[in-house]
């Protein structure tokens, strides 16, 4: 059963890593409504759009690496524990991981505001 909990634990960090790499290395070239870091600030200009894609991608990637490291350590710490302990660990990690998804968004919006709101 621990393998199921472990897979659940690493889904969010892996998605963060993949999305971060894609956004930083292969960002969408044009402002669009479907793909990329899409907020009101990021879509105000082409310069803001290009900046936001790379900046967010790098932050999301770094956050994903940190979250994955914490997840692996936490998972190893409860490796030989009961299913109850694994389920509690899984819920706690998923809540913390979900919160961590918002950190790069908040930081990107702050950077966009300071860099582009005067234009």
N, C-alpha and C. Protein backbone atom coordinates (compact mmCIF):
# COMPACT_ATOMS: atom_id res chain seq x y z
N UNK A 1 0.82 -1.20 0.00
CA UNK A 1 0.00 0.00 0.00
C UNK A 1 0.86 1.26 0.00
N UNK A 2 2.07 1.19 0.57
CA UNK A 2 2.92 2.37 0.64
C UNK A 2 3.25 2.92 -0.74
N UNK A 3 3.30 2.06 -1.74
CA UNK A 3 3.63 2.52 -3.09
C UNK A 3 2.55 3.47 -3.62
N UNK A 4 1.30 3.19 -3.29
CA UNK A 4 0.20 4.07 -3.71
C UNK A 4 0.35 5.43 -3.06
N UNK A 5 0.64 5.46 -1.77
CA UNK A 5 0.83 6.73 -1.07
C UNK A 5 2.04 7.49 -1.63
N UNK A 6 3.10 6.75 -1.92
CA UNK A 6 4.30 7.39 -2.46
C UNK A 6 4.00 8.02 -3.82
N UNK A 7 3.28 7.32 -4.66
CA UNK A 7 2.91 7.87 -5.98
C UNK A 7 2.05 9.12 -5.80
N UNK A 8 1.09 9.07 -4.89
CA UNK A 8 0.28 10.26 -4.61
C UNK A 8 1.14 11.42 -4.11
N UNK A 9 2.15 11.09 -3.29
CA UNK A 9 3.03 12.12 -2.74
C UNK A 9 3.85 12.84 -3.81
N UNK A 10 4.27 12.12 -4.85
CA UNK A 10 5.19 12.75 -5.81
C UNK A 10 4.50 13.35 -7.05
N UNK A 11 3.19 13.22 -7.16
CA UNK A 11 2.50 13.76 -8.34
C UNK A 11 2.67 15.27 -8.44
N UNK A 12 2.39 16.01 -7.39
CA UNK A 12 2.46 17.47 -7.46
C UNK A 12 3.89 17.94 -7.74
N UNK A 13 4.92 17.45 -7.02
CA UNK A 13 6.27 17.90 -7.35
C UNK A 13 6.70 17.58 -8.79
N UNK A 14 6.31 16.42 -9.29
CA UNK A 14 6.67 16.07 -10.66
C UNK A 14 5.98 16.99 -11.67
N UNK A 15 4.73 17.31 -11.44
CA UNK A 15 4.03 18.25 -12.32
C UNK A 15 4.70 19.61 -12.26
N UNK A 16 5.12 20.04 -11.07
CA UNK A 16 5.81 21.32 -10.92
C UNK A 16 7.13 21.31 -11.71
N UNK A 17 7.87 20.23 -11.63
CA UNK A 17 9.13 20.13 -12.36
C UNK A 17 8.91 20.19 -13.87
N UNK A 18 7.97 19.42 -14.35
CA UNK A 18 7.69 19.39 -15.80
C UNK A 18 7.20 20.75 -16.28
N UNK A 19 6.24 21.33 -15.58
CA UNK A 19 5.70 22.64 -15.98
C UNK A 19 6.78 23.72 -15.89
N UNK A 20 7.62 23.65 -14.88
CA UNK A 20 8.69 24.62 -14.72
C UNK A 20 9.69 24.56 -15.86
N UNK A 21 10.10 23.35 -16.22
CA UNK A 21 11.04 23.18 -17.33
C UNK A 21 10.42 23.68 -18.62
N UNK A 22 9.19 23.29 -18.89
CA UNK A 22 8.53 23.72 -20.12
C UNK A 22 8.38 25.23 -20.19
N UNK A 23 7.99 25.85 -19.09
CA UNK A 23 7.79 27.30 -19.08
C UNK A 23 9.11 28.04 -19.21
N UNK A 24 10.16 27.54 -18.58
CA UNK A 24 11.46 28.22 -18.63
C UNK A 24 12.18 27.99 -19.95
N UNK A 25 12.09 26.78 -20.49
CA UNK A 25 12.86 26.43 -21.69
C UNK A 25 12.10 26.60 -23.00
N UNK A 26 10.81 26.34 -22.98
CA UNK A 26 10.00 26.43 -24.20
C UNK A 26 8.71 27.20 -23.91
N UNK A 27 8.84 28.47 -23.53
CA UNK A 27 7.63 29.24 -23.20
C UNK A 27 6.81 29.54 -24.45
N UNK A 28 5.51 29.75 -24.28
CA UNK A 28 4.69 30.13 -25.43
C UNK A 28 5.18 31.48 -25.96
N UNK A 29 5.30 31.57 -27.25
CA UNK A 29 5.85 32.77 -27.88
C UNK A 29 4.87 33.95 -27.86
N UNK A 30 3.60 33.64 -28.04
CA UNK A 30 2.60 34.70 -28.13
C UNK A 30 1.62 34.64 -26.97
N UNK A 31 1.11 35.81 -26.61
CA UNK A 31 0.08 35.89 -25.58
C UNK A 31 -1.14 35.13 -26.07
N UNK A 32 -1.64 34.23 -25.24
CA UNK A 32 -2.79 33.43 -25.64
C UNK A 32 -3.63 33.09 -24.41
N UNK A 33 -4.79 32.54 -24.65
CA UNK A 33 -5.71 32.22 -23.56
C UNK A 33 -5.66 30.75 -23.13
N UNK A 34 -4.74 29.97 -23.71
CA UNK A 34 -4.74 28.54 -23.43
C UNK A 34 -3.51 28.03 -22.69
N UNK A 35 -2.32 28.53 -23.06
CA UNK A 35 -1.09 27.94 -22.56
C UNK A 35 -0.18 29.02 -21.99
N UNK A 36 0.47 28.71 -20.87
CA UNK A 36 1.44 29.62 -20.30
C UNK A 36 0.97 30.22 -18.99
N UNK A 37 1.82 31.08 -18.45
CA UNK A 37 1.50 31.80 -17.22
C UNK A 37 0.59 32.96 -17.61
N UNK A 38 -0.71 32.80 -17.37
CA UNK A 38 -1.70 33.76 -17.87
C UNK A 38 -2.38 34.48 -16.72
N UNK A 39 -1.94 35.70 -16.49
CA UNK A 39 -2.62 36.57 -15.53
C UNK A 39 -2.81 37.92 -16.21
N UNK A 40 -3.58 38.77 -15.59
CA UNK A 40 -3.81 40.09 -16.17
C UNK A 40 -2.48 40.83 -16.37
N UNK A 41 -1.61 40.79 -15.38
CA UNK A 41 -0.31 41.48 -15.49
C UNK A 41 0.57 40.87 -16.57
N UNK A 42 0.62 39.56 -16.65
CA UNK A 42 1.50 38.93 -17.63
C UNK A 42 1.04 39.16 -19.07
N UNK A 43 -0.24 39.47 -19.25
CA UNK A 43 -0.78 39.66 -20.60
C UNK A 43 -0.86 41.13 -21.02
N UNK A 44 -0.33 42.04 -20.21
CA UNK A 44 -0.41 43.47 -20.53
C UNK A 44 0.46 43.85 -21.72
N UNK A 45 1.59 43.17 -21.90
CA UNK A 45 2.48 43.47 -23.02
C UNK A 45 3.27 42.22 -23.38
N UNK A 46 3.85 42.25 -24.55
CA UNK A 46 4.67 41.13 -25.00
C UNK A 46 5.90 40.98 -24.10
N UNK A 47 6.46 42.11 -23.66
CA UNK A 47 7.63 42.06 -22.78
C UNK A 47 7.27 41.44 -21.43
N UNK A 48 6.13 41.83 -20.88
CA UNK A 48 5.67 41.26 -19.61
C UNK A 48 5.39 39.77 -19.77
N UNK A 49 4.78 39.40 -20.88
CA UNK A 49 4.47 38.00 -21.17
C UNK A 49 5.75 37.17 -21.21
N UNK A 50 6.72 37.60 -22.01
CA UNK A 50 7.97 36.85 -22.15
C UNK A 50 8.69 36.74 -20.81
N UNK A 51 8.74 37.83 -20.07
CA UNK A 51 9.39 37.83 -18.77
C UNK A 51 8.69 36.85 -17.82
N UNK A 52 7.37 36.93 -17.75
CA UNK A 52 6.60 36.11 -16.81
C UNK A 52 6.77 34.62 -17.09
N UNK A 53 6.79 34.25 -18.37
CA UNK A 53 6.92 32.83 -18.71
C UNK A 53 8.22 32.25 -18.16
N UNK A 54 9.32 32.94 -18.41
CA UNK A 54 10.62 32.44 -17.96
C UNK A 54 10.79 32.56 -16.44
N UNK A 55 10.41 33.70 -15.90
CA UNK A 55 10.57 33.93 -14.46
C UNK A 55 9.76 32.90 -13.67
N UNK A 56 8.50 32.74 -14.04
CA UNK A 56 7.65 31.77 -13.36
C UNK A 56 8.20 30.35 -13.54
N UNK A 57 8.63 30.03 -14.75
CA UNK A 57 9.15 28.69 -15.02
C UNK A 57 10.33 28.35 -14.13
N UNK A 58 11.25 29.29 -13.98
CA UNK A 58 12.42 29.06 -13.13
C UNK A 58 12.00 28.90 -11.67
N UNK A 59 11.12 29.79 -11.20
CA UNK A 59 10.64 29.68 -9.81
C UNK A 59 9.88 28.37 -9.57
N UNK A 60 9.04 27.99 -10.53
CA UNK A 60 8.25 26.78 -10.39
C UNK A 60 9.17 25.55 -10.37
N UNK A 61 10.19 25.58 -11.20
CA UNK A 61 11.16 24.48 -11.23
C UNK A 61 11.91 24.39 -9.90
N UNK A 62 12.42 25.51 -9.42
CA UNK A 62 13.15 25.51 -8.14
C UNK A 62 12.25 25.06 -6.99
N UNK A 63 11.02 25.56 -6.97
CA UNK A 63 10.08 25.16 -5.92
C UNK A 63 9.77 23.68 -6.03
N UNK A 64 9.61 23.19 -7.25
CA UNK A 64 9.34 21.76 -7.47
C UNK A 64 10.47 20.89 -6.96
N UNK A 65 11.71 21.31 -7.18
CA UNK A 65 12.87 20.55 -6.70
C UNK A 65 12.86 20.51 -5.17
N UNK A 66 12.61 21.65 -4.55
CA UNK A 66 12.58 21.71 -3.08
C UNK A 66 11.45 20.85 -2.52
N UNK A 67 10.28 20.94 -3.13
CA UNK A 67 9.13 20.17 -2.67
C UNK A 67 9.37 18.68 -2.87
N UNK A 68 9.99 18.30 -3.98
CA UNK A 68 10.31 16.89 -4.22
C UNK A 68 11.30 16.38 -3.17
N UNK A 69 12.30 17.18 -2.84
CA UNK A 69 13.28 16.77 -1.83
C UNK A 69 12.61 16.54 -0.48
N UNK A 70 11.76 17.48 -0.07
CA UNK A 70 11.04 17.34 1.21
C UNK A 70 10.14 16.11 1.17
N UNK A 71 9.49 15.90 0.04
CA UNK A 71 8.59 14.75 -0.12
C UNK A 71 9.35 13.44 0.00
N UNK A 72 10.50 13.35 -0.63
CA UNK A 72 11.29 12.12 -0.57
C UNK A 72 11.78 11.85 0.85
N UNK A 73 12.24 12.89 1.53
CA UNK A 73 12.70 12.72 2.92
C UNK A 73 11.54 12.28 3.81
N UNK A 74 10.39 12.93 3.66
CA UNK A 74 9.21 12.57 4.48
C UNK A 74 8.76 11.15 4.18
N UNK A 75 8.79 10.77 2.92
CA UNK A 75 8.38 9.42 2.54
C UNK A 75 9.34 8.37 3.10
N UNK A 76 10.62 8.66 3.05
CA UNK A 76 11.60 7.73 3.62
C UNK A 76 11.45 7.62 5.14
N UNK A 77 11.07 8.71 5.76
CA UNK A 77 10.91 8.72 7.22
C UNK A 77 9.78 7.80 7.69
N UNK A 78 8.77 7.62 6.85
CA UNK A 78 7.64 6.79 7.25
C UNK A 78 7.58 5.47 6.47
N UNK A 79 8.66 5.13 5.80
CA UNK A 79 8.69 3.97 4.91
C UNK A 79 8.19 2.68 5.57
N UNK A 80 8.59 2.42 6.78
CA UNK A 80 8.21 1.17 7.44
C UNK A 80 7.07 1.35 8.43
N UNK A 81 6.31 2.40 8.23
CA UNK A 81 5.21 2.70 9.14
C UNK A 81 3.92 2.03 8.69
N UNK A 82 2.90 2.18 9.51
CA UNK A 82 1.60 1.60 9.22
C UNK A 82 0.90 2.41 8.12
N UNK A 83 -0.18 1.81 7.63
CA UNK A 83 -0.96 2.49 6.60
C UNK A 83 -1.56 3.79 7.12
N UNK A 84 -1.93 3.80 8.40
CA UNK A 84 -2.50 5.01 9.00
C UNK A 84 -1.47 6.15 8.98
N UNK A 85 -0.23 5.85 9.33
CA UNK A 85 0.82 6.87 9.33
C UNK A 85 1.06 7.36 7.91
N UNK A 86 1.11 6.43 6.94
CA UNK A 86 1.30 6.81 5.54
C UNK A 86 0.17 7.71 5.05
N UNK A 87 -1.05 7.38 5.43
CA UNK A 87 -2.18 8.19 4.96
C UNK A 87 -2.13 9.60 5.55
N UNK A 88 -1.75 9.71 6.81
CA UNK A 88 -1.62 11.03 7.44
C UNK A 88 -0.50 11.82 6.78
N UNK A 89 0.63 11.16 6.56
CA UNK A 89 1.77 11.80 5.90
C UNK A 89 1.39 12.27 4.51
N UNK A 90 0.65 11.46 3.80
CA UNK A 90 0.22 11.79 2.44
C UNK A 90 -0.66 13.04 2.43
N UNK A 91 -1.62 13.09 3.31
CA UNK A 91 -2.53 14.24 3.37
C UNK A 91 -1.76 15.51 3.74
N UNK A 92 -0.88 15.42 4.73
CA UNK A 92 -0.10 16.59 5.14
C UNK A 92 0.78 17.08 3.99
N UNK A 93 1.46 16.15 3.30
CA UNK A 93 2.32 16.55 2.18
C UNK A 93 1.52 17.18 1.05
N UNK A 94 0.38 16.61 0.72
CA UNK A 94 -0.41 17.16 -0.38
C UNK A 94 -0.91 18.58 -0.04
N UNK A 95 -1.29 18.80 1.19
CA UNK A 95 -1.71 20.15 1.60
C UNK A 95 -0.54 21.12 1.47
N UNK A 96 0.63 20.74 1.99
CA UNK A 96 1.81 21.60 1.91
C UNK A 96 2.25 21.82 0.46
N UNK A 97 2.18 20.78 -0.35
CA UNK A 97 2.54 20.90 -1.76
C UNK A 97 1.59 21.84 -2.49
N UNK A 98 0.32 21.73 -2.20
CA UNK A 98 -0.67 22.61 -2.83
C UNK A 98 -0.40 24.06 -2.46
N UNK A 99 -0.09 24.31 -1.22
CA UNK A 99 0.25 25.67 -0.79
C UNK A 99 1.50 26.15 -1.53
N UNK A 100 2.47 25.26 -1.68
CA UNK A 100 3.74 25.65 -2.34
C UNK A 100 3.55 26.02 -3.81
N UNK A 101 2.50 25.56 -4.43
CA UNK A 101 2.22 25.92 -5.83
C UNK A 101 1.97 27.41 -5.95
N UNK A 102 1.42 28.03 -4.92
CA UNK A 102 1.07 29.45 -4.97
C UNK A 102 2.26 30.38 -4.74
N UNK A 103 3.33 29.88 -4.16
CA UNK A 103 4.50 30.72 -3.88
C UNK A 103 5.08 31.32 -5.16
N UNK A 104 5.36 30.52 -6.20
CA UNK A 104 5.89 31.11 -7.44
C UNK A 104 4.91 32.08 -8.10
N UNK A 105 3.63 31.83 -7.96
CA UNK A 105 2.62 32.74 -8.53
C UNK A 105 2.70 34.09 -7.84
N UNK A 106 2.72 34.08 -6.52
CA UNK A 106 2.79 35.32 -5.75
C UNK A 106 4.07 36.09 -6.07
N UNK A 107 5.20 35.39 -6.11
CA UNK A 107 6.48 36.04 -6.39
C UNK A 107 6.53 36.59 -7.82
N UNK A 108 5.97 35.86 -8.76
CA UNK A 108 5.94 36.33 -10.15
C UNK A 108 5.07 37.57 -10.28
N UNK A 109 3.92 37.58 -9.62
CA UNK A 109 3.06 38.76 -9.68
C UNK A 109 3.73 39.98 -9.06
N UNK A 110 4.44 39.79 -7.94
CA UNK A 110 5.15 40.90 -7.32
C UNK A 110 6.23 41.44 -8.25
N UNK A 111 6.96 40.55 -8.90
CA UNK A 111 8.02 40.97 -9.81
C UNK A 111 7.43 41.68 -11.03
N UNK A 112 6.35 41.17 -11.57
CA UNK A 112 5.69 41.84 -12.70
C UNK A 112 5.22 43.22 -12.31
N UNK A 113 4.66 43.34 -11.12
CA UNK A 113 4.16 44.63 -10.64
C UNK A 113 5.30 45.64 -10.54
N UNK A 114 6.42 45.22 -9.96
CA UNK A 114 7.53 46.15 -9.78
C UNK A 114 8.22 46.48 -11.10
N UNK A 115 8.22 45.55 -12.02
CA UNK A 115 8.98 45.72 -13.27
C UNK A 115 8.14 46.36 -14.39
N UNK A 116 6.83 46.10 -14.44
CA UNK A 116 6.06 46.50 -15.59
C UNK A 116 4.87 47.43 -15.30
N UNK A 117 4.48 47.62 -14.04
CA UNK A 117 3.30 48.45 -13.78
C UNK A 117 3.53 49.93 -14.07
N UNK A 118 4.79 50.36 -14.16
CA UNK A 118 5.07 51.76 -14.47
C UNK A 118 5.00 52.07 -15.96
N UNK A 119 4.87 51.03 -16.78
CA UNK A 119 4.85 51.24 -18.25
C UNK A 119 3.49 51.62 -18.75
